Amino acid sequence: MFEVAAKQANDQCKAAGKPEVGLLLLPGTTNCALALTQERADAIIVSTATVAALMHETPGAYATDGAPFDTSTKVGIAVRKDNPALKLALGKAVQAIVADGSYAALIQKWNLPPASSAF
């Protein structure tokens, strides 16, 4: 997904008559963040939640610019098919934290944009 976004950004630069983006494809966020802090990269493309975590864990090391480019990625909880009770309990627990405001508080605590909410 992120490689596609980077290639689209490159195409937009070319179409606007700007220099092409040099792509450095690295496995994993840790390697990408390291390349950024070591000045081997000028920017990284990672998930909104990952950006929030990086900025929380290393205050002052990173900055963002612009709106999140993709907030449609959803994360789920997988359970074994043979455990419907666990699936039901997890569903109820998620509904409860949404209903009592805890979910919204977590979105705010981690500085996630409202569009990243699944609810």
C-alpha atoms as a PDB file:
ATOM      1  CA  MET A   1       0.000   0.000   0.000  1.00  0.00           C
ATOM      2  CA  PHE A   2       2.699   2.522   0.943  1.00  0.00           C
ATOM      3  CA  GLU A   3       4.830   1.696  -2.080  1.00  0.00           C
ATOM      4  CA  VAL A   4       1.813   2.440  -4.272  1.00  0.00           C
ATOM      5  CA  ALA A   5       1.311   5.787  -2.493  1.00  0.00           C
ATOM      6  CA  ALA A   6       4.966   6.684  -2.991  1.00  0.00           C
ATOM      7  CA  LYS A   7       4.797   5.822  -6.686  1.00  0.00           C
ATOM      8  CA  GLN A   8       1.636   7.927  -7.041  1.00  0.00           C
ATOM      9  CA  ALA A   9       3.415  10.871  -5.386  1.00  0.00           C
ATOM     10  CA  ASN A  10       6.287  10.389  -7.813  1.00  0.00           C
ATOM     11  CA  ASP A  11       3.888  10.410 -10.771  1.00  0.00           C
ATOM     12  CA  GLN A  12       2.305  13.623  -9.462  1.00  0.00           C
ATOM     13  CA  CYS A  13       5.732  15.257  -9.193  1.00  0.00           C
ATOM     14  CA  LYS A  14       6.629  14.246 -12.745  1.00  0.00           C
ATOM     15  CA  ALA A  15       3.286  15.484 -14.077  1.00  0.00           C
ATOM     16  CA  ALA A  16       3.853  18.841 -12.366  1.00  0.00           C
ATOM     17  CA  GLY A  17       7.321  19.146 -13.916  1.00  0.00           C
ATOM     18  CA  LYS A  18       9.046  18.604 -10.576  1.00  0.00           C
ATOM     19  CA  PRO A  19      11.986  16.277  -9.939  1.00  0.00           C
ATOM     20  CA  GLU A  20      11.141  12.632  -9.409  1.00  0.00           C
ATOM     21  CA  VAL A  21      10.992  11.138  -5.948  1.00  0.00           C
ATOM     22  CA  GLY A  22      13.840   8.770  -5.148  1.00  0.00           C
ATOM     23  CA  LEU A  23      12.292   5.713  -3.554  1.00  0.00           C
ATOM     24  CA  LEU A  24      14.105   3.818  -0.817  1.00  0.00           C
ATOM     25  CA  LEU A  25      12.033   0.739  -0.069  1.00  0.00           C
ATOM     26  CA  LEU A  26      12.739  -0.655   3.388  1.00  0.00           C
ATOM     27  CA  PRO A  27      11.060  -3.444   5.350  1.00  0.00           C
ATOM     28  CA  GLY A  28       9.289  -2.310   8.500  1.00  0.00           C
ATOM     29  CA  THR A  29       8.646   0.952  10.248  1.00  0.00           C
ATOM     30  CA  THR A  30      11.741   0.703  12.446  1.00  0.00           C
ATOM     31  CA  ASN A  31      14.021   0.699   9.404  1.00  0.00           C
ATOM     32  CA  CYS A  32      12.099   3.557   7.810  1.00  0.00           C
ATOM     33  CA  ALA A  33      12.237   5.689  10.966  1.00  0.00           C
ATOM     34  CA  LEU A  34      15.945   4.973  11.340  1.00  0.00           C
ATOM     35  CA  ALA A  35      16.605   6.022   7.742  1.00  0.00           C
ATOM     36  CA  LEU A  36      14.738   9.259   8.428  1.00  0.00           C
ATOM     37  CA  THR A  37      16.630  10.073  11.618  1.00  0.00           C
ATOM     38  CA  GLN A  38      19.950   9.183   9.947  1.00  0.00           C
ATOM     39  CA  GLU A  39      19.075  11.547   7.073  1.00  0.00           C
ATOM     40  CA  ARG A  40      19.144   8.707   4.528  1.00  0.00           C
ATOM     41  CA  ALA A  41      15.519   9.585   3.760  1.00  0.00           C
ATOM     42  CA  ASP A  42      13.697  12.920   3.620  1.00  0.00           C
ATOM     43  CA  ALA A  43      10.275  11.483   4.413  1.00  0.00           C
ATOM     44  CA  ILE A  44       8.528   8.199   5.122  1.00  0.00           C
ATOM     45  CA  ILE A  45       5.043   6.978   4.355  1.00  0.00           C
ATOM     46  CA  VAL A  46       3.524   4.963   7.194  1.00  0.00           C
ATOM     47  CA  SER A  47       0.065   4.448   8.652  1.00  0.00           C
ATOM     48  CA  THR A  48      -1.638   7.202  10.601  1.00  0.00           C
ATOM     49  CA  ALA A  49      -1.459   5.144  13.780  1.00  0.00           C
ATOM     50  CA  THR A  50       2.247   4.529  13.231  1.00  0.00           C
ATOM     51  CA  VAL A  51       2.914   8.242  12.811  1.00  0.00           C
ATOM     52  CA  ALA A  52       1.111   8.931  16.076  1.00  0.00           C
ATOM     53  CA  ALA A  53       3.135   6.249  17.868  1.00  0.00           C
ATOM     54  CA  LEU A  54       6.455   7.485  16.453  1.00  0.00           C
ATOM     55  CA  MET A  55       5.700  11.047  17.484  1.00  0.00           C
ATOM     56  CA  HIS A  56       4.613   9.947  20.951  1.00  0.00           C
ATOM     57  CA  GLU A  57       7.655   7.725  21.511  1.00  0.00           C
ATOM     58  CA  THR A  58      10.192  10.274  20.248  1.00  0.00           C
ATOM     59  CA  PRO A  59       8.819  13.768  20.861  1.00  0.00           C
ATOM     60  CA  GLY A  60      10.351  16.443  18.660  1.00  0.00           C
ATOM     61  CA  ALA A  61      11.996  13.984  16.268  1.00  0.00           C
ATOM     62  CA  TYR A  62       9.308  14.020  13.564  1.00  0.00           C
ATOM     63  CA  ALA A  63       6.792  16.378  12.003  1.00  0.00           C
ATOM     64  CA  THR A  64       3.772  15.774   9.816  1.00  0.00           C
ATOM     65  CA  ASP A  65       2.424  17.821   6.959  1.00  0.00           C
ATOM     66  CA  GLY A  66      -0.943  17.771   5.327  1.00  0.00           C
ATOM     67  CA  ALA A  67      -3.951  15.592   5.899  1.00  0.00           C
ATOM     68  CA  PRO A  68      -3.667  11.817   6.229  1.00  0.00           C
ATOM     69  CA  PHE A  69      -3.732  10.362   2.733  1.00  0.00           C
ATOM     70  CA  ASP A  70      -5.521   7.139   3.599  1.00  0.00           C
ATOM     71  CA  THR A  71      -7.822   6.627   6.541  1.00  0.00           C
ATOM     72  CA  SER A  72      -9.728   3.722   5.041  1.00  0.00           C
ATOM     73  CA  THR A  73      -7.471   0.990   6.443  1.00  0.00           C
ATOM     74  CA  LYS A  74      -9.306  -0.929   9.123  1.00  0.00           C
ATOM     75  CA  VAL A  75      -7.723  -3.110  11.775  1.00  0.00           C
ATOM     76  CA  GLY A  76      -9.556  -6.055  13.251  1.00  0.00           C
ATOM     77  CA  ILE A  77      -9.286  -8.696  15.919  1.00  0.00           C
ATOM     78  CA  ALA A  78      -9.042 -12.268  14.670  1.00  0.00           C
ATOM     79  CA  VAL A  79     -10.363 -15.142  16.723  1.00  0.00           C
ATOM     80  CA  ARG A  80     -10.507 -18.846  16.009  1.00  0.00           C
ATOM     81  CA  LYS A  81     -13.711 -20.060  14.356  1.00  0.00           C
ATOM     82  CA  ASP A  82     -14.257 -22.552  17.139  1.00  0.00           C
ATOM     83  CA  ASN A  83     -14.505 -19.818  19.785  1.00  0.00           C
ATOM     84  CA  PRO A  84     -17.734 -17.901  19.136  1.00  0.00           C
ATOM     85  CA  ALA A  85     -17.963 -16.919  22.808  1.00  0.00           C
ATOM     86  CA  LEU A  86     -14.706 -14.992  22.552  1.00  0.00           C
ATOM     87  CA  LYS A  87     -15.882 -13.271  19.358  1.00  0.00           C
ATOM     88  CA  LEU A  88     -19.090 -12.227  21.096  1.00  0.00           C
ATOM     89  CA  ALA A  89     -17.250 -11.021  24.220  1.00  0.00           C
ATOM     90  CA  LEU A  90     -14.792  -8.964  22.158  1.00  0.00           C
ATOM     91  CA  GLY A  91     -17.636  -7.434  20.165  1.00  0.00           C
ATOM     92  CA  LYS A  92     -19.434  -6.435  23.363  1.00  0.00           C
ATOM     93  CA  ALA A  93     -16.237  -5.026  24.859  1.00  0.00           C
ATOM     94  CA  VAL A  94     -15.576  -2.883  21.782  1.00  0.00           C
ATOM     95  CA  GLN A  95     -19.193  -1.650  21.797  1.00  0.00           C
ATOM     96  CA  ALA A  96     -18.832  -0.780  25.481  1.00  0.00           C
ATOM     97  CA  ILE A  97     -15.685   1.325  25.043  1.00  0.00           C
ATOM     98  CA  VAL A  98     -17.303   3.139  22.132  1.00  0.00           C
ATOM     99  CA  ALA A  99     -20.460   3.767  24.183  1.00  0.00           C
ATOM    100  CA  ASP A 100     -18.632   5.034  27.284  1.00  0.00           C
ATOM    101  CA  GLY A 101     -16.307   7.350  25.329  1.00  0.00           C
ATOM    102  CA  SER A 102     -13.103   5.422  26.037  1.00  0.00           C
ATOM    103  CA  TYR A 103     -12.550   4.728  22.335  1.00  0.00           C
ATOM    104  CA  ALA A 104     -12.875   8.421  21.420  1.00  0.00           C
ATOM    105  CA  ALA A 105     -10.529   9.293  24.300  1.00  0.00           C
ATOM    106  CA  LEU A 106      -7.904   6.905  22.903  1.00  0.00           C
ATOM    107  CA  ILE A 107      -8.208   8.471  19.441  1.00  0.00           C
ATOM    108  CA  GLN A 108      -7.594  11.861  21.045  1.00  0.00           C
ATOM    109  CA  LYS A 109      -4.825  10.657  23.405  1.00  0.00           C
ATOM    110  CA  TRP A 110      -2.798   9.255  20.505  1.00  0.00           C
ATOM    111  CA  ASN A 111      -3.407  12.361  18.357  1.00  0.00           C
ATOM    112  CA  LEU A 112      -5.155  10.384  15.641  1.00  0.00           C
ATOM    113  CA  PRO A 113      -7.370  12.307  13.227  1.00  0.00           C
ATOM    114  CA  PRO A 114     -11.100  11.757  13.734  1.00  0.00           C
ATOM    115  CA  ALA A 115     -11.264  10.178  10.257  1.00  0.00           C
ATOM    116  CA  SER A 116      -9.154   7.273  11.541  1.00  0.00           C
ATOM    117  CA  SER A 117     -11.975   6.134  13.839  1.00  0.00           C
ATOM    118  CA  ALA A 118     -13.677   2.903  12.834  1.00  0.00           C
ATOM    119  CA  PHE A 119     -16.920   4.139  14.427  1.00  0.00           C
END
